Amino acid sequence: MSTLPPPATEKFPHSSIEKQCYDLVDKFKEFIPITNDRNRLGFNLVKFVQGEGDAPEILVKSTKIKLEGISHKDLAVKLSEELKSIIK
């Protein structure tokens, strides 16, 4: 009995909103050490940019991410500043 290789996954194009939001969250990986927390926050930021989700001030608390070395408020401010380059 053997296992099959994992399915191939397509990467987002560099210019896509999704890639930009996930890359933005990855910039803060020293403050958000858990990969799944970063993915969850990135997904919610994509929804915010598309007009369907909450603002970063709300998302940082509602996604229940584990932070190290920064407060929820400070991270929300940094995310808001960085999102200005994505939202035009």
PDB file of N, CA and C in Angstrom:
ATOM      1  N   MET A   1       0.846  -1.170   0.000  1.00  0.00           N
ATOM      2  CA  MET A   1       0.000   0.000   0.000  1.00  0.00           C
ATOM      3  C   MET A   1       0.893   1.236   0.000  1.00  0.00           C
ATOM      4  N   SER A   2       0.576   2.172  -0.873  1.00  0.00           N
ATOM      5  CA  SER A   2       1.363   3.405  -0.919  1.00  0.00           C
ATOM      6  C   SER A   2       0.419   4.599  -0.932  1.00  0.00           C
ATOM      7  N   THR A   3       0.970   5.716  -0.645  1.00  0.00           N
ATOM      8  CA  THR A   3       0.158   6.924  -0.648  1.00  0.00           C
ATOM      9  C   THR A   3       0.377   7.675  -1.953  1.00  0.00           C
ATOM     10  N   LEU A   4      -0.619   8.389  -2.347  1.00  0.00           N
ATOM     11  CA  LEU A   4      -0.526   9.176  -3.564  1.00  0.00           C
ATOM     12  C   LEU A   4       0.093  10.533  -3.253  1.00  0.00           C
ATOM     13  N   PRO A   5       0.711  11.146  -4.241  1.00  0.00           N
ATOM     14  CA  PRO A   5       1.243  12.492  -3.992  1.00  0.00           C
ATOM     15  C   PRO A   5       0.096  13.478  -3.793  1.00  0.00           C
ATOM     16  N   PRO A   6       0.362  14.575  -3.128  1.00  0.00           N
ATOM     17  CA  PRO A   6      -0.708  15.556  -2.910  1.00  0.00           C
ATOM     18  C   PRO A   6      -1.128  16.174  -4.238  1.00  0.00           C
ATOM     19  N   PRO A   7      -2.338  16.678  -4.304  1.00  0.00           N
ATOM     20  CA  PRO A   7      -2.782  17.301  -5.550  1.00  0.00           C
ATOM     21  C   PRO A   7      -1.992  18.574  -5.823  1.00  0.00           C
ATOM     22  N   ALA A   8      -1.848  18.867  -7.088  1.00  0.00           N
ATOM     23  CA  ALA A   8      -1.131  20.085  -7.463  1.00  0.00           C
ATOM     24  C   ALA A   8      -2.000  21.295  -7.131  1.00  0.00           C
ATOM     25  N   THR A   9      -1.374  22.324  -6.642  1.00  0.00           N
ATOM     26  CA  THR A   9      -2.105  23.543  -6.330  1.00  0.00           C
ATOM     27  C   THR A   9      -1.576  24.672  -7.193  1.00  0.00           C
ATOM     28  N   GLU A  10      -2.473  25.513  -7.612  1.00  0.00           N
ATOM     29  CA  GLU A  10      -2.077  26.660  -8.413  1.00  0.00           C
ATOM     30  C   GLU A  10      -1.817  27.840  -7.490  1.00  0.00           C
ATOM     31  N   LYS A  11      -0.767  28.548  -7.769  1.00  0.00           N
ATOM     32  CA  LYS A  11      -0.434  29.742  -6.996  1.00  0.00           C
ATOM     33  C   LYS A  11      -1.198  30.932  -7.575  1.00  0.00           C
ATOM     34  N   PHE A  12      -1.499  31.900  -6.722  1.00  0.00           N
ATOM     35  CA  PHE A  12      -2.134  33.122  -7.188  1.00  0.00           C
ATOM     36  C   PHE A  12      -1.139  33.926  -8.016  1.00  0.00           C
ATOM     37  N   PRO A  13      -1.595  34.609  -9.052  1.00  0.00           N
ATOM     38  CA  PRO A  13      -0.688  35.516  -9.771  1.00  0.00           C
ATOM     39  C   PRO A  13      -0.228  36.638  -8.839  1.00  0.00           C
ATOM     40  N   HIS A  14       0.971  37.154  -9.073  1.00  0.00           N
ATOM     41  CA  HIS A  14       1.546  38.177  -8.186  1.00  0.00           C
ATOM     42  C   HIS A  14       0.714  39.453  -8.126  1.00  0.00           C
ATOM     43  N   SER A  15      -0.034  39.729  -9.154  1.00  0.00           N
ATOM     44  CA  SER A  15      -0.814  40.973  -9.182  1.00  0.00           C
ATOM     45  C   SER A  15      -2.204  40.821  -8.571  1.00  0.00           C
ATOM     46  N   SER A  16      -2.568  39.616  -8.161  1.00  0.00           N
ATOM     47  CA  SER A  16      -3.913  39.401  -7.641  1.00  0.00           C
ATOM     48  C   SER A  16      -4.065  39.941  -6.216  1.00  0.00           C
ATOM     49  N   ILE A  17      -5.282  40.300  -5.883  1.00  0.00           N
ATOM     50  CA  ILE A  17      -5.601  40.800  -4.543  1.00  0.00           C
ATOM     51  C   ILE A  17      -5.286  39.740  -3.492  1.00  0.00           C
ATOM     52  N   GLU A  18      -5.593  38.492  -3.790  1.00  0.00           N
ATOM     53  CA  GLU A  18      -5.367  37.411  -2.841  1.00  0.00           C
ATOM     54  C   GLU A  18      -3.885  37.298  -2.483  1.00  0.00           C
ATOM     55  N   LYS A  19      -3.027  37.286  -3.505  1.00  0.00           N
ATOM     56  CA  LYS A  19      -1.584  37.162  -3.277  1.00  0.00           C
ATOM     57  C   LYS A  19      -1.061  38.352  -2.474  1.00  0.00           C
ATOM     58  N   GLN A  20      -1.532  39.541  -2.797  1.00  0.00           N
ATOM     59  CA  GLN A  20      -1.075  40.730  -2.086  1.00  0.00           C
ATOM     60  C   GLN A  20      -1.485  40.694  -0.619  1.00  0.00           C
ATOM     61  N   CYS A  21      -2.707  40.249  -0.335  1.00  0.00           N
ATOM     62  CA  CYS A  21      -3.177  40.184   1.058  1.00  0.00           C
ATOM     63  C   CYS A  21      -2.431  39.117   1.856  1.00  0.00           C
ATOM     64  N   TYR A  22      -2.240  37.938   1.263  1.00  0.00           N
ATOM     65  CA  TYR A  22      -1.518  36.884   1.973  1.00  0.00           C
ATOM     66  C   TYR A  22      -0.054  37.271   2.197  1.00  0.00           C
ATOM     67  N   ASP A  23       0.562  37.933   1.212  1.00  0.00           N
ATOM     68  CA  ASP A  23       1.940  38.405   1.379  1.00  0.00           C
ATOM     69  C   ASP A  23       2.035  39.480   2.458  1.00  0.00           C
ATOM     70  N   LEU A  24       1.015  40.325   2.522  1.00  0.00           N
ATOM     71  CA  LEU A  24       0.980  41.364   3.550  1.00  0.00           C
ATOM     72  C   LEU A  24       0.982  40.750   4.940  1.00  0.00           C
ATOM     73  N   VAL A  25       0.173  39.732   5.135  1.00  0.00           N
ATOM     74  CA  VAL A  25       0.103  39.069   6.443  1.00  0.00           C
ATOM     75  C   VAL A  25       1.422  38.341   6.733  1.00  0.00           C
ATOM     76  N   ASP A  26       2.054  37.771   5.706  1.00  0.00           N
ATOM     77  CA  ASP A  26       3.326  37.080   5.921  1.00  0.00           C
ATOM     78  C   ASP A  26       4.442  38.020   6.365  1.00  0.00           C
ATOM     79  N   LYS A  27       4.303  39.309   6.086  1.00  0.00           N
ATOM     80  CA  LYS A  27       5.292  40.284   6.560  1.00  0.00           C
ATOM     81  C   LYS A  27       5.336  40.327   8.088  1.00  0.00           C
ATOM     82  N   PHE A  28       4.242  39.929   8.720  1.00  0.00           N
ATOM     83  CA  PHE A  28       4.132  40.000  10.176  1.00  0.00           C
ATOM     84  C   PHE A  28       4.260  38.626  10.824  1.00  0.00           C
ATOM     85  N   LYS A  29       4.977  37.706  10.195  1.00  0.00           N
ATOM     86  CA  LYS A  29       5.070  36.357  10.739  1.00  0.00           C
ATOM     87  C   LYS A  29       5.834  36.287  12.052  1.00  0.00           C
ATOM     88  N   GLU A  30       6.659  37.306  12.352  1.00  0.00           N
ATOM     89  CA  GLU A  30       7.327  37.308  13.653  1.00  0.00           C
ATOM     90  C   GLU A  30       6.346  37.599  14.782  1.00  0.00           C
ATOM     91  N   PHE A  31       5.246  38.281  14.472  1.00  0.00           N
ATOM     92  CA  PHE A  31       4.217  38.575  15.467  1.00  0.00           C
ATOM     93  C   PHE A  31       3.108  37.525  15.473  1.00  0.00           C
ATOM     94  N   ILE A  32       2.916  36.849  14.330  1.00  0.00           N
ATOM     95  CA  ILE A  32       1.881  35.819  14.205  1.00  0.00           C
ATOM     96  C   ILE A  32       2.593  34.510  13.856  1.00  0.00           C
ATOM     97  N   PRO A  33       3.036  33.743  14.849  1.00  0.00           N
ATOM     98  CA  PRO A  33       3.883  32.578  14.589  1.00  0.00           C
ATOM     99  C   PRO A  33       3.156  31.367  13.986  1.00  0.00           C
ATOM    100  N   ILE A  34       1.861  31.277  14.134  1.00  0.00           N
ATOM    101  CA  ILE A  34       1.131  30.096  13.676  1.00  0.00           C
ATOM    102  C   ILE A  34       0.661  30.317  12.235  1.00  0.00           C
ATOM    103  N   THR A  35       1.035  29.401  11.352  1.00  0.00           N
ATOM    104  CA  THR A  35       0.723  29.517   9.925  1.00  0.00           C
ATOM    105  C   THR A  35      -0.777  29.580   9.672  1.00  0.00           C
ATOM    106  N   ASN A  36      -1.548  28.756  10.352  1.00  0.00           N
ATOM    107  CA  ASN A  36      -2.998  28.766  10.141  1.00  0.00           C
ATOM    108  C   ASN A  36      -3.623  30.091  10.569  1.00  0.00           C
ATOM    109  N   ASP A  37      -3.083  30.714  11.583  1.00  0.00           N
ATOM    110  CA  ASP A  37      -3.572  32.037  11.997  1.00  0.00           C
ATOM    111  C   ASP A  37      -3.308  33.069  10.901  1.00  0.00           C
ATOM    112  N   ARG A  38      -2.113  33.000  10.292  1.00  0.00           N
ATOM    113  CA  ARG A  38      -1.808  33.922   9.202  1.00  0.00           C
ATOM    114  C   ARG A  38      -2.717  33.675   8.007  1.00  0.00           C
ATOM    115  N   ASN A  39      -2.971  32.410   7.692  1.00  0.00           N
ATOM    116  CA  ASN A  39      -3.865  32.102   6.572  1.00  0.00           C
ATOM    117  C   ASN A  39      -5.284  32.605   6.839  1.00  0.00           C
ATOM    118  N   ARG A  40      -5.767  32.419   8.050  1.00  0.00           N
ATOM    119  CA  ARG A  40      -7.112  32.864   8.403  1.00  0.00           C
ATOM    120  C   ARG A  40      -7.223  34.386   8.319  1.00  0.00           C
ATOM    121  N   LEU A  41      -6.198  35.085   8.810  1.00  0.00           N
ATOM    122  CA  LEU A  41      -6.205  36.538   8.738  1.00  0.00           C
ATOM    123  C   LEU A  41      -6.099  37.014   7.288  1.00  0.00           C
ATOM    124  N   GLY A  42      -5.276  36.347   6.491  1.00  0.00           N
ATOM    125  CA  GLY A  42      -5.160  36.702   5.073  1.00  0.00           C
ATOM    126  C   GLY A  42      -6.471  36.526   4.337  1.00  0.00           C
ATOM    127  N   PHE A  43      -7.171  35.420   4.593  1.00  0.00           N
ATOM    128  CA  PHE A  43      -8.470  35.176   3.968  1.00  0.00           C
ATOM    129  C   PHE A  43      -9.460  36.280   4.323  1.00  0.00           C
ATOM    130  N   ASN A  44      -9.476  36.659   5.590  1.00  0.00           N
ATOM    131  CA  ASN A  44     -10.408  37.699   6.025  1.00  0.00           C
ATOM    132  C   ASN A  44     -10.031  39.071   5.466  1.00  0.00           C
ATOM    133  N   LEU A  45      -8.752  39.325   5.273  1.00  0.00           N
ATOM    134  CA  LEU A  45      -8.341  40.589   4.655  1.00  0.00           C
ATOM    135  C   LEU A  45      -8.750  40.633   3.182  1.00  0.00           C
ATOM    136  N   VAL A  46      -8.684  39.502   2.501  1.00  0.00           N
ATOM    137  CA  VAL A  46      -9.160  39.447   1.110  1.00  0.00           C
ATOM    138  C   VAL A  46     -10.634  39.803   1.068  1.00  0.00           C
ATOM    139  N   LYS A  47     -11.408  39.243   1.976  1.00  0.00           N
ATOM    140  CA  LYS A  47     -12.844  39.555   2.030  1.00  0.00           C
ATOM    141  C   LYS A  47     -13.069  41.037   2.303  1.00  0.00           C
ATOM    142  N   PHE A  48     -12.256  41.637   3.171  1.00  0.00           N
ATOM    143  CA  PHE A  48     -12.381  43.063   3.471  1.00  0.00           C
ATOM    144  C   PHE A  48     -12.086  43.907   2.235  1.00  0.00           C
ATOM    145  N   VAL A  49     -11.019  43.575   1.530  1.00  0.00           N
ATOM    146  CA  VAL A  49     -10.643  44.332   0.337  1.00  0.00           C
ATOM    147  C   VAL A  49     -11.728  44.213  -0.734  1.00  0.00           C
ATOM    148  N   GLN A  50     -12.382  43.071  -0.805  1.00  0.00           N
ATOM    149  CA  GLN A  50     -13.451  42.867  -1.774  1.00  0.00           C
ATOM    150  C   GLN A  50     -14.773  43.492  -1.328  1.00  0.00           C
ATOM    151  N   GLY A  51     -14.794  44.073  -0.132  1.00  0.00           N
ATOM    152  CA  GLY A  51     -15.986  44.745   0.365  1.00  0.00           C
ATOM    153  C   GLY A  51     -16.962  43.862   1.099  1.00  0.00           C
ATOM    154  N   GLU A  52     -16.536  42.661   1.487  1.00  0.00           N
ATOM    155  CA  GLU A  52     -17.437  41.720   2.142  1.00  0.00           C
ATOM    156  C   GLU A  52     -17.129  41.488   3.620  1.00  0.00           C
ATOM    157  N   GLY A  53     -16.008  41.975   4.108  1.00  0.00           N
ATOM    158  CA  GLY A  53     -15.598  41.642   5.466  1.00  0.00           C
ATOM    159  C   GLY A  53     -15.445  42.845   6.361  1.00  0.00           C
ATOM    160  N   ASP A  54     -14.939  42.578   7.548  1.00  0.00           N
ATOM    161  CA  ASP A  54     -14.736  43.610   8.562  1.00  0.00           C
ATOM    162  C   ASP A  54     -13.383  44.290   8.387  1.00  0.00           C
ATOM    163  N   ALA A  55     -13.253  45.446   8.998  1.00  0.00           N
ATOM    164  CA  ALA A  55     -12.009  46.211   8.975  1.00  0.00           C
ATOM    165  C   ALA A  55     -10.943  45.501   9.813  1.00  0.00           C
ATOM    166  N   PRO A  56      -9.656  45.802   9.569  1.00  0.00           N
ATOM    167  CA  PRO A  56      -8.582  45.149  10.330  1.00  0.00           C
ATOM    168  C   PRO A  56      -8.707  45.311  11.844  1.00  0.00           C
ATOM    169  N   GLU A  57      -9.240  46.438  12.299  1.00  0.00           N
ATOM    170  CA  GLU A  57      -9.394  46.649  13.736  1.00  0.00           C
ATOM    171  C   GLU A  57     -10.296  45.584  14.351  1.00  0.00           C
ATOM    172  N   ILE A  58     -11.285  45.149  13.610  1.00  0.00           N
ATOM    173  CA  ILE A  58     -12.209  44.116  14.087  1.00  0.00           C
ATOM    174  C   ILE A  58     -11.637  42.722  13.818  1.00  0.00           C
ATOM    175  N   LEU A  59     -11.019  42.549  12.647  1.00  0.00           N
ATOM    176  CA  LEU A  59     -10.504  41.232  12.253  1.00  0.00           C
ATOM    177  C   LEU A  59      -9.432  40.698  13.194  1.00  0.00           C
ATOM    178  N   VAL A  60      -8.566  41.566  13.646  1.00  0.00           N
ATOM    179  CA  VAL A  60      -7.463  41.105  14.502  1.00  0.00           C
ATOM    180  C   VAL A  60      -8.001  40.447  15.766  1.00  0.00           C
ATOM    181  N   LYS A  61      -9.110  40.954  16.273  1.00  0.00           N
ATOM    182  CA  LYS A  61      -9.703  40.356  17.477  1.00  0.00           C
ATOM    183  C   LYS A  61     -10.636  39.190  17.142  1.00  0.00           C
ATOM    184  N   SER A  62     -11.429  39.325  16.080  1.00  0.00           N
ATOM    185  CA  SER A  62     -12.440  38.309  15.793  1.00  0.00           C
ATOM    186  C   SER A  62     -11.853  37.017  15.222  1.00  0.00           C
ATOM    187  N   THR A  63     -10.675  37.088  14.600  1.00  0.00           N
ATOM    188  CA  THR A  63     -10.065  35.866  14.071  1.00  0.00           C
ATOM    189  C   THR A  63      -9.353  35.056  15.144  1.00  0.00           C
ATOM    190  N   LYS A  64      -9.221  35.622  16.333  1.00  0.00           N
ATOM    191  CA  LYS A  64      -8.633  34.933  17.490  1.00  0.00           C
ATOM    192  C   LYS A  64      -7.242  34.388  17.186  1.00  0.00           C
ATOM    193  N   ILE A  65      -6.410  35.240  16.582  1.00  0.00           N
ATOM    194  CA  ILE A  65      -5.041  34.832  16.281  1.00  0.00           C
ATOM    195  C   ILE A  65      -4.156  35.012  17.508  1.00  0.00           C
ATOM    196  N   LYS A  66      -3.123  34.180  17.593  1.00  0.00           N
ATOM    197  CA  LYS A  66      -2.175  34.261  18.707  1.00  0.00           C
ATOM    198  C   LYS A  66      -1.067  35.224  18.304  1.00  0.00           C
ATOM    199  N   LEU A  67      -0.881  36.276  19.093  1.00  0.00           N
ATOM    200  CA  LEU A  67       0.135  37.280  18.813  1.00  0.00           C
ATOM    201  C   LEU A  67       1.280  37.176  19.802  1.00  0.00           C
ATOM    202  N   GLU A  68       2.475  37.499  19.320  1.00  0.00           N
ATOM    203  CA  GLU A  68       3.655  37.531  20.189  1.00  0.00           C
ATOM    204  C   GLU A  68       4.412  38.822  19.925  1.00  0.00           C
ATOM    205  N   GLY A  69       4.602  39.623  20.954  1.00  0.00           N
ATOM    206  CA  GLY A  69       5.429  40.809  20.852  1.00  0.00           C
ATOM    207  C   GLY A  69       4.741  42.053  20.316  1.00  0.00           C
ATOM    208  N   ILE A  70       3.448  42.015  20.147  1.00  0.00           N
ATOM    209  CA  ILE A  70       2.698  43.172  19.641  1.00  0.00           C
ATOM    210  C   ILE A  70       1.271  43.070  20.164  1.00  0.00           C
ATOM    211  N   SER A  71       0.643  44.213  20.339  1.00  0.00           N
ATOM    212  CA  SER A  71      -0.747  44.200  20.798  1.00  0.00           C
ATOM    213  C   SER A  71      -1.681  44.116  19.598  1.00  0.00           C
ATOM    214  N   HIS A  72      -2.919  43.747  19.867  1.00  0.00           N
ATOM    215  CA  HIS A  72      -3.919  43.668  18.805  1.00  0.00           C
ATOM    216  C   HIS A  72      -4.097  45.027  18.125  1.00  0.00           C
ATOM    217  N   LYS A  73      -4.107  46.068  18.928  1.00  0.00           N
ATOM    218  CA  LYS A  73      -4.318  47.413  18.396  1.00  0.00           C
ATOM    219  C   LYS A  73      -3.171  47.838  17.480  1.00  0.00           C
ATOM    220  N   ASP A  74      -1.937  47.588  17.898  1.00  0.00           N
ATOM    221  CA  ASP A  74      -0.783  47.962  17.085  1.00  0.00           C
ATOM    222  C   ASP A  74      -0.751  47.190  15.765  1.00  0.00           C
ATOM    223  N   LEU A  75      -1.079  45.905  15.809  1.00  0.00           N
ATOM    224  CA  LEU A  75      -1.111  45.111  14.577  1.00  0.00           C
ATOM    225  C   LEU A  75      -2.200  45.621  13.645  1.00  0.00           C
ATOM    226  N   ALA A  76      -3.352  45.977  14.182  1.00  0.00           N
ATOM    227  CA  ALA A  76      -4.437  46.493  13.355  1.00  0.00           C
ATOM    228  C   ALA A  76      -4.025  47.788  12.661  1.00  0.00           C
ATOM    229  N   VAL A  77      -3.306  48.645  13.362  1.00  0.00           N
ATOM    230  CA  VAL A  77      -2.833  49.905  12.768  1.00  0.00           C
ATOM    231  C   VAL A  77      -1.846  49.609  11.640  1.00  0.00           C
ATOM    232  N   LYS A  78      -0.912  48.682  11.876  1.00  0.00           N
ATOM    233  CA  LYS A  78       0.069  48.340  10.848  1.00  0.00           C
ATOM    234  C   LYS A  78      -0.608  47.716   9.625  1.00  0.00           C
ATOM    235  N   LEU A  79      -1.579  46.842   9.845  1.00  0.00           N
ATOM    236  CA  LEU A  79      -2.298  46.239   8.723  1.00  0.00           C
ATOM    237  C   LEU A  79      -3.060  47.288   7.927  1.00  0.00           C
ATOM    238  N   SER A  80      -3.693  48.220   8.612  1.00  0.00           N
ATOM    239  CA  SER A  80      -4.438  49.281   7.932  1.00  0.00           C
ATOM    240  C   SER A  80      -3.519  50.125   7.060  1.00  0.00           C
ATOM    241  N   GLU A  81      -2.342  50.436   7.580  1.00  0.00           N
ATOM    242  CA  GLU A  81      -1.376  51.230   6.806  1.00  0.00           C
ATOM    243  C   GLU A  81      -0.916  50.470   5.562  1.00  0.00           C
ATOM    244  N   GLU A  82      -0.624  49.190   5.727  1.00  0.00           N
ATOM    245  CA  GLU A  82      -0.162  48.382   4.604  1.00  0.00           C
ATOM    246  C   GLU A  82      -1.275  48.147   3.570  1.00  0.00           C
ATOM    247  N   LEU A  83      -2.511  48.065   4.028  1.00  0.00           N
ATOM    248  CA  LEU A  83      -3.630  47.834   3.110  1.00  0.00           C
ATOM    249  C   LEU A  83      -3.866  49.020   2.183  1.00  0.00           C
ATOM    250  N   LYS A  84      -3.416  50.195   2.572  1.00  0.00           N
ATOM    251  CA  LYS A  84      -3.597  51.379   1.718  1.00  0.00           C
ATOM    252  C   LYS A  84      -2.894  51.204   0.384  1.00  0.00           C
ATOM    253  N   SER A  85      -1.822  50.434   0.349  1.00  0.00           N
ATOM    254  CA  SER A  85      -1.125  50.209  -0.918  1.00  0.00           C
ATOM    255  C   SER A  85      -1.878  49.222  -1.813  1.00  0.00           C
ATOM    256  N   ILE A  86      -2.715  48.379  -1.215  1.00  0.00           N
ATOM    257  CA  ILE A  86      -3.491  47.403  -1.988  1.00  0.00           C
ATOM    258  C   ILE A  86      -4.796  48.017  -2.472  1.00  0.00           C
ATOM    259  N   ILE A  87      -5.474  48.735  -1.572  1.00  0.00           N
ATOM    260  CA  ILE A  87      -6.745  49.365  -1.903  1.00  0.00           C
ATOM    261  C   ILE A  87      -6.443  50.725  -2.536  1.00  0.00           C
ATOM    262  N   LYS A  88      -6.837  50.868  -3.775  1.00  0.00           N
ATOM    263  CA  LYS A  88      -6.563  52.136  -4.465  1.00  0.00           C
ATOM    264  C   LYS A  88      -7.822  52.768  -4.964  1.00  0.00           C
TER     265      LYS A  88
END
